[in-house]
C-alpha atoms as a PDB file:
ATOM      1  CA  MET A   1     -21.481 -15.050 -10.483  1.00  0.00           C
ATOM      2  CA  ARG A   2     -17.996 -14.994  -9.559  1.00  0.00           C
ATOM      3  CA  ARG A   3     -17.588 -16.552  -6.179  1.00  0.00           C
ATOM      4  CA  ASN A   4     -14.126 -14.691  -4.431  1.00  0.00           C
ATOM      5  CA  PHE A   5     -11.925 -14.574  -1.499  1.00  0.00           C
ATOM      6  CA  GLU A   6     -10.352 -12.042   0.469  1.00  0.00           C
ATOM      7  CA  GLN A   7      -6.005 -12.256   1.016  1.00  0.00           C
ATOM      8  CA  LYS A   8      -5.990 -13.105  -2.625  1.00  0.00           C
ATOM      9  CA  LEU A   9      -3.916 -11.333  -5.348  1.00  0.00           C
ATOM     10  CA  ASN A  10      -3.338 -13.347  -8.600  1.00  0.00           C
ATOM     11  CA  TYR A  11      -1.026 -11.321 -10.565  1.00  0.00           C
ATOM     12  CA  SER A  12       1.836 -13.262 -11.758  1.00  0.00           C
ATOM     13  CA  GLN A  13       3.984  -9.830 -11.589  1.00  0.00           C
ATOM     14  CA  ILE A  14       3.831 -10.271  -7.649  1.00  0.00           C
ATOM     15  CA  LYS A  15       7.204 -11.639  -6.551  1.00  0.00           C
ATOM     16  CA  ASP A  16       6.731 -10.798  -2.785  1.00  0.00           C
ATOM     17  CA  VAL A  17       4.250 -10.190  -0.909  1.00  0.00           C
ATOM     18  CA  ASP A  18       2.860 -10.585   2.644  1.00  0.00           C
ATOM     19  CA  PHE A  19      -0.745 -10.410   4.438  1.00  0.00           C
ATOM     20  CA  ARG A  20      -2.219  -9.012   7.383  1.00  0.00           C
ATOM     21  CA  VAL A  21      -5.680  -9.641   8.699  1.00  0.00           C
ATOM     22  CA  SER A  22      -7.715  -8.111  11.343  1.00  0.00           C
ATOM     23  CA  CYS A  23     -11.304  -8.299  12.407  1.00  0.00           C
ATOM     24  CA  ILE A  24     -12.703  -5.121  13.856  1.00  0.00           C
ATOM     25  CA  ASN A  25     -16.095  -5.348  15.581  1.00  0.00           C
ATOM     26  CA  THR A  26     -16.892  -2.196  17.302  1.00  0.00           C
ATOM     27  CA  GLU A  27     -19.764   0.333  17.284  1.00  0.00           C
ATOM     28  CA  GLU A  28     -18.278   2.140  14.041  1.00  0.00           C
ATOM     29  CA  PHE A  29     -17.514  -0.814  12.406  1.00  0.00           C
ATOM     30  CA  ASN A  30     -17.863  -4.423  12.233  1.00  0.00           C
ATOM     31  CA  GLY A  31     -16.132  -6.739   9.712  1.00  0.00           C
ATOM     32  CA  TYR A  32     -12.520  -7.784   8.335  1.00  0.00           C
ATOM     33  CA  VAL A  33      -9.728  -5.679   7.379  1.00  0.00           C
ATOM     34  CA  HIS A  34      -7.107  -7.443   4.855  1.00  0.00           C
ATOM     35  CA  LEU A  35      -3.829  -5.917   4.087  1.00  0.00           C
ATOM     36  CA  ALA A  36      -1.481  -6.929   1.359  1.00  0.00           C
ATOM     37  CA  SER A  37       1.997  -5.255   1.135  1.00  0.00           C
ATOM     38  CA  ILE A  38       3.552  -5.958  -1.972  1.00  0.00           C
ATOM     39  CA  HIS A  39       7.208  -5.801  -1.479  1.00  0.00           C
ATOM     40  CA  LYS A  40       8.380  -6.786  -5.062  1.00  0.00           C
ATOM     41  CA  VAL A  41       6.798  -6.825  -8.349  1.00  0.00           C
ATOM     42  CA  SER A  42       8.450  -7.912 -11.649  1.00  0.00           C
ATOM     43  CA  GLU A  43       6.899  -4.828 -13.442  1.00  0.00           C
ATOM     44  CA  ALA A  44       4.239  -2.433 -12.363  1.00  0.00           C
ATOM     45  CA  ILE A  45       0.382  -2.612 -13.254  1.00  0.00           C
ATOM     46  CA  PHE A  46      -1.654   0.245 -14.395  1.00  0.00           C
ATOM     47  CA  ARG A  47      -5.127   0.783 -15.170  1.00  0.00           C
ATOM     48  CA  SER A  48      -6.566   3.132 -17.891  1.00  0.00           C
ATOM     49  CA  VAL A  49      -8.873   5.220 -16.643  1.00  0.00           C
ATOM     50  CA  ASP A  50     -10.736   7.334 -19.231  1.00  0.00           C
ATOM     51  CA  ASP A  51      -7.526   9.022 -20.611  1.00  0.00           C
ATOM     52  CA  LYS A  52      -5.484   8.984 -17.707  1.00  0.00           C
ATOM     53  CA  ARG A  53      -2.908   5.683 -16.699  1.00  0.00           C
ATOM     54  CA  ILE A  54      -2.786   4.850 -12.893  1.00  0.00           C
ATOM     55  CA  LYS A  55      -0.419   2.817 -11.370  1.00  0.00           C
ATOM     56  CA  ILE A  56      -2.131   0.355  -9.105  1.00  0.00           C
ATOM     57  CA  MET A  57       0.576  -1.925  -8.405  1.00  0.00           C
ATOM     58  CA  ASP A  58       4.598  -1.706  -8.267  1.00  0.00           C
ATOM     59  CA  ASN A  59       7.426  -2.257  -5.174  1.00  0.00           C
ATOM     60  CA  GLU A  60       6.448  -1.337  -1.752  1.00  0.00           C
ATOM     61  CA  TYR A  61       2.391  -0.547  -2.613  1.00  0.00           C
ATOM     62  CA  LYS A  62      -0.194  -1.741  -0.306  1.00  0.00           C
ATOM     63  CA  TRP A  63      -3.643  -2.948  -0.989  1.00  0.00           C
ATOM     64  CA  LEU A  64      -6.367  -2.332   2.020  1.00  0.00           C
ATOM     65  CA  GLN A  65      -9.379  -4.502   1.686  1.00  0.00           C
ATOM     66  CA  ILE A  66     -12.301  -3.341   3.902  1.00  0.00           C
ATOM     67  CA  THR A  67     -15.380  -5.760   4.037  1.00  0.00           C
ATOM     68  CA  PRO A  68     -18.120  -4.843   6.846  1.00  0.00           C
ATOM     69  CA  LEU A  69     -19.900  -7.776   7.607  1.00  0.00           C
ATOM     70  CA  ASN A  70     -23.797  -7.543   6.622  1.00  0.00           C
ATOM     71  CA  ALA A  71     -22.985  -5.196   3.700  1.00  0.00           C
ATOM     72  CA  ASN A  72     -23.340  -5.259  -0.338  1.00  0.00           C
ATOM     73  CA  TYR A  73     -19.673  -4.201  -1.087  1.00  0.00           C
ATOM     74  CA  ASN A  74     -15.813  -4.465   0.130  1.00  0.00           C
ATOM     75  CA  LEU A  75     -13.678  -1.651  -0.584  1.00  0.00           C
ATOM     76  CA  ILE A  76      -9.948  -1.796  -2.011  1.00  0.00           C
ATOM     77  CA  THR A  77      -8.018   1.259  -1.164  1.00  0.00           C
ATOM     78  CA  ILE A  78      -4.676   1.174  -3.037  1.00  0.00           C
ATOM     79  CA  LEU A  79      -1.383   3.117  -1.789  1.00  0.00           C
ATOM     80  CA  ASP A  80       1.664   3.593  -3.088  1.00  0.00           C
ATOM     81  CA  ASP A  81       5.362   3.243  -1.825  1.00  0.00           C
ATOM     82  CA  GLU A  82       4.620   6.415   0.390  1.00  0.00           C
ATOM     83  CA  ASP A  83       1.333   5.593   1.952  1.00  0.00           C
ATOM     84  CA  GLN A  84      -0.411   7.865  -0.699  1.00  0.00           C
ATOM     85  CA  ILE A  85      -3.887   6.676  -1.686  1.00  0.00           C
ATOM     86  CA  LEU A  86      -3.819   6.416  -5.520  1.00  0.00           C
ATOM     87  CA  GLN A  87      -7.505   4.951  -5.758  1.00  0.00           C
ATOM     88  CA  TRP A  88     -10.281   3.435  -3.925  1.00  0.00           C
ATOM     89  CA  GLU A  89     -12.905   0.741  -5.718  1.00  0.00           C
ATOM     90  CA  PHE A  90     -16.109  -0.605  -4.119  1.00  0.00           C
ATOM     91  CA  HIS A  91     -16.709  -4.037  -5.538  1.00  0.00           C
ATOM     92  CA  ILE A  92     -20.549  -4.627  -4.950  1.00  0.00           C
ATOM     93  CA  ILE A  93     -21.250  -8.224  -3.625  1.00  0.00           C
ATOM     94  CA  GLU A  94     -23.989 -10.429  -2.995  1.00  0.00           C
ATOM     95  CA  ASN A  95     -23.259 -11.563   0.399  1.00  0.00           C
ATOM     96  CA  ASN A  96     -20.236 -12.525   2.515  1.00  0.00           C
ATOM     97  CA  GLU A  97     -19.349 -15.633   4.521  1.00  0.00           C
ATOM     98  CA  ALA A  98     -16.472 -15.594   7.345  1.00  0.00           C
ATOM     99  CA  ASP A  99     -15.174 -19.360   7.273  1.00  0.00           C
ATOM    100  CA  GLY A 100     -13.787 -18.828  10.676  1.00  0.00           C
ATOM    101  CA  LYS A 101     -10.302 -18.871   9.601  1.00  0.00           C
ATOM    102  CA  MET A 102      -9.939 -15.340   9.402  1.00  0.00           C
ATOM    103  CA  SER A 103     -10.694 -15.185   5.376  1.00  0.00           C
ATOM    104  CA  LEU A 104     -13.891 -14.061   3.697  1.00  0.00           C
ATOM    105  CA  MET A 105     -15.996 -15.421   0.751  1.00  0.00           C
ATOM    106  CA  PHE A 106     -18.027 -13.428  -1.330  1.00  0.00           C
ATOM    107  CA  GLU A 107     -20.161 -13.612  -4.607  1.00  0.00           C
ATOM    108  CA  ASP A 108     -19.073 -10.858  -6.767  1.00  0.00           C
ATOM    109  CA  LEU A 109     -21.838  -8.797  -8.330  1.00  0.00           C
ATOM    110  CA  ILE A 110     -19.363  -7.359 -11.019  1.00  0.00           C
ATOM    111  CA  LEU A 111     -20.148  -3.888 -10.845  1.00  0.00           C
ATOM    112  CA  SER A 112     -17.842  -1.709  -9.133  1.00  0.00           C
ATOM    113  CA  LEU A 113     -17.149   2.099  -8.308  1.00  0.00           C
ATOM    114  CA  LEU A 114     -14.074   3.556  -8.724  1.00  0.00           C
ATOM    115  CA  VAL A 115     -13.143   6.751  -6.952  1.00  0.00           C
ATOM    116  CA  LEU A 116     -10.319   8.682  -7.364  1.00  0.00           C
ATOM    117  CA  PRO A 117      -8.508  11.251  -4.782  1.00  0.00           C
ATOM    118  CA  ASN A 118      -9.652  14.290  -7.217  1.00  0.00           C
ATOM    119  CA  GLY A 119     -13.297  12.958  -7.101  1.00  0.00           C
ATOM    120  CA  ILE A 120     -13.531  11.471  -9.972  1.00  0.00           C
ATOM    121  CA  LYS A 121     -16.016   8.389  -9.773  1.00  0.00           C
ATOM    122  CA  LYS A 122     -16.458   5.814 -12.669  1.00  0.00           C
ATOM    123  CA  ILE A 123     -18.473   2.638 -12.721  1.00  0.00           C
ATOM    124  CA  LEU A 124     -16.628  -0.375 -13.896  1.00  0.00           C
ATOM    125  CA  GLY A 125     -17.909  -3.857 -15.020  1.00  0.00           C
ATOM    126  CA  GLU A 126     -21.346  -2.481 -16.922  1.00  0.00           C
ATOM    127  CA  GLU A 127     -20.574  -4.852 -20.105  1.00  0.00           C
ATOM    128  CA  GLU A 128     -19.506  -7.552 -18.296  1.00  0.00           C
ATOM    129  CA  ILE A 129     -22.391  -7.585 -15.921  1.00  0.00           C
ATOM    130  CA  LYS A 130     -25.131  -7.214 -19.125  1.00  0.00           C
ATOM    131  CA  LYS A 131     -23.098 -10.091 -20.574  1.00  0.00           C
ATOM    132  CA  ALA A 132     -23.804 -12.170 -17.233  1.00  0.00           C
ATOM    133  CA  LEU A 133     -27.419 -11.460 -16.946  1.00  0.00           C
ATOM    134  CA  TYR A 134     -27.549 -12.640 -20.836  1.00  0.00           C
ATOM    135  CA  ASN A 135     -25.731 -15.775 -20.062  1.00  0.00           C
ATOM    136  CA  ASN A 136     -27.881 -16.496 -16.693  1.00  0.00           C
ATOM    137  CA  ASP A 137     -24.484 -16.191 -14.822  1.00  0.00           C
ATOM    138  CA  ILE A 138     -26.643 -13.465 -12.660  1.00  0.00           C
ATOM    139  CA  ASN A 139     -30.464 -13.030 -12.443  1.00  0.00           C
ATOM    140  CA  LEU A 140     -32.121 -10.011 -12.766  1.00  0.00           C
ATOM    141  CA  CYS A 141     -32.620  -9.216  -8.995  1.00  0.00           C
ATOM    142  CA  GLN A 142     -28.865  -9.210  -8.543  1.00  0.00           C
ATOM    143  CA  TYR A 143     -28.417  -7.367 -11.681  1.00  0.00           C
ATOM    144  CA  ASP A 144     -31.109  -4.559 -10.054  1.00  0.00           C
ATOM    145  CA  LYS A 145     -29.024  -5.093  -6.897  1.00  0.00           C
ATOM    146  CA  ALA A 146     -25.844  -4.430  -7.887  1.00  0.00           C
ATOM    147  CA  TYR A 147     -27.033  -1.026  -9.561  1.00  0.00           C
ATOM    148  CA  ARG A 148     -28.943  -0.027  -6.837  1.00  0.00           C
ATOM    149  CA  GLU A 149     -26.137  -0.733  -4.613  1.00  0.00           C
ATOM    150  CA  ILE A 150     -23.624   1.626  -7.277  1.00  0.00           C
ATOM    151  CA  LYS A 151     -26.361   4.235  -6.919  1.00  0.00           C
ATOM    152  CA  ILE A 152     -26.337   4.640  -3.281  1.00  0.00           C
ATOM    153  CA  LEU A 153     -22.406   4.601  -2.860  1.00  0.00           C
ATOM    154  CA  ASP A 154     -22.162   7.031  -5.329  1.00  0.00           C
ATOM    155  CA  GLN A 155     -24.268   9.482  -3.611  1.00  0.00           C
ATOM    156  CA  ILE A 156     -23.245   8.753   0.027  1.00  0.00           C
ATOM    157  CA  VAL A 157     -19.284   8.587  -1.068  1.00  0.00           C
ATOM    158  CA  SER A 158     -17.235  11.776   0.097  1.00  0.00           C
ATOM    159  CA  ILE A 159     -13.530  11.797  -0.171  1.00  0.00           C
ATOM    160  CA  GLU A 160     -13.106  12.933   3.157  1.00  0.00           C
ATOM    161  CA  LYS A 161     -14.625  10.222   4.671  1.00  0.00           C
ATOM    162  CA  LEU A 162     -12.754   7.344   2.345  1.00  0.00           C
ATOM    163  CA  ILE A 163      -9.662   8.935   3.448  1.00  0.00           C
ATOM    164  CA  THR A 164     -10.546   9.031   7.260  1.00  0.00           C
ATOM    165  CA  LEU A 165     -11.844   5.164   7.088  1.00  0.00           C
ATOM    166  CA  SER A 166      -8.780   4.160   4.876  1.00  0.00           C
ATOM    167  CA  ARG A 167      -6.032   5.573   7.050  1.00  0.00           C
ATOM    168  CA  GLY A 168      -8.050   4.562  10.414  1.00  0.00           C
ATOM    169  CA  MET A 169      -8.056   1.039   8.991  1.00  0.00           C
ATOM    170  CA  LEU A 170      -4.713   0.933   8.014  1.00  0.00           C
ATOM    171  CA  ASN A 171      -3.476   2.507  11.063  1.00  0.00           C
ATOM    172  CA  ASN A 172      -5.674  -0.367  13.184  1.00  0.00           C
ATOM    173  CA  ILE A 173      -4.037  -3.386  11.245  1.00  0.00           C
ATOM    174  CA  LEU A 174      -0.343  -2.287  11.422  1.00  0.00           C
ATOM    175  CA  GLY A 175      -0.760  -1.645  15.042  1.00  0.00           C
ATOM    176  CA  ASP A 176      -2.285  -5.094  15.354  1.00  0.00           C
ATOM    177  CA  CYS A 177       0.487  -7.282  16.526  1.00  0.00           C
ATOM    178  CA  LYS A 178      -1.665 -10.255  17.262  1.00  0.00           C
ATOM    179  CA  PRO A 179      -0.920 -13.882  15.817  1.00  0.00           C
ATOM    180  CA  LYS A 180      -3.094 -14.117  12.735  1.00  0.00           C
ATOM    181  CA  ASN A 181      -4.363 -17.611  14.142  1.00  0.00           C
ATOM    182  CA  LYS A 182      -5.497 -15.833  17.081  1.00  0.00           C
ATOM    183  CA  LEU A 183      -7.985 -13.413  15.893  1.00  0.00           C
ATOM    184  CA  ARG A 184     -11.637 -13.852  16.042  1.00  0.00           C
ATOM    185  CA  CYS A 185     -14.608 -11.857  14.739  1.00  0.00           C
ATOM    186  CA  GLU A 186     -18.381 -12.338  15.801  1.00  0.00           C
ATOM    187  CA  ALA A 187     -20.205 -12.648  12.308  1.00  0.00           C
END
């Protein structure tokens, strides 16, 4: 199982990026929102989905990561240089832990649900999770949990809800002018 941290973009093509982080604790949402504003890259990065190539990183793109506490997923919304949503990707996670410094660590259960604005949904990581189970990197309970969470998300996710959530969180974090070190969240 991989342990990942929010706020990290490990792409050598990134030449200039800044991060914003906010913790939101309301009736509607309790969790972390991270925004990576990618100002400059040495070359664009693409993802192939079936027979389509989707640009996922270029100059002035944004990656918005939404991680509700006490949930088994985090969501990355990728926006282009005109703030048009290009895709959403739900990463299934075992759990998440706040470190008290506005970053969040989580255990990645490998499976992801990719959702495109035209409604296409695709499960990613199926070969990798099978290999992880075979190699005892994850156990059968974690394997089953990952597939169970993917099925739930696949049934309840709608484009309208994703747009509303992503736009609301983007507006929230862009409107948040507090210094990073003064933000706090109840976990």
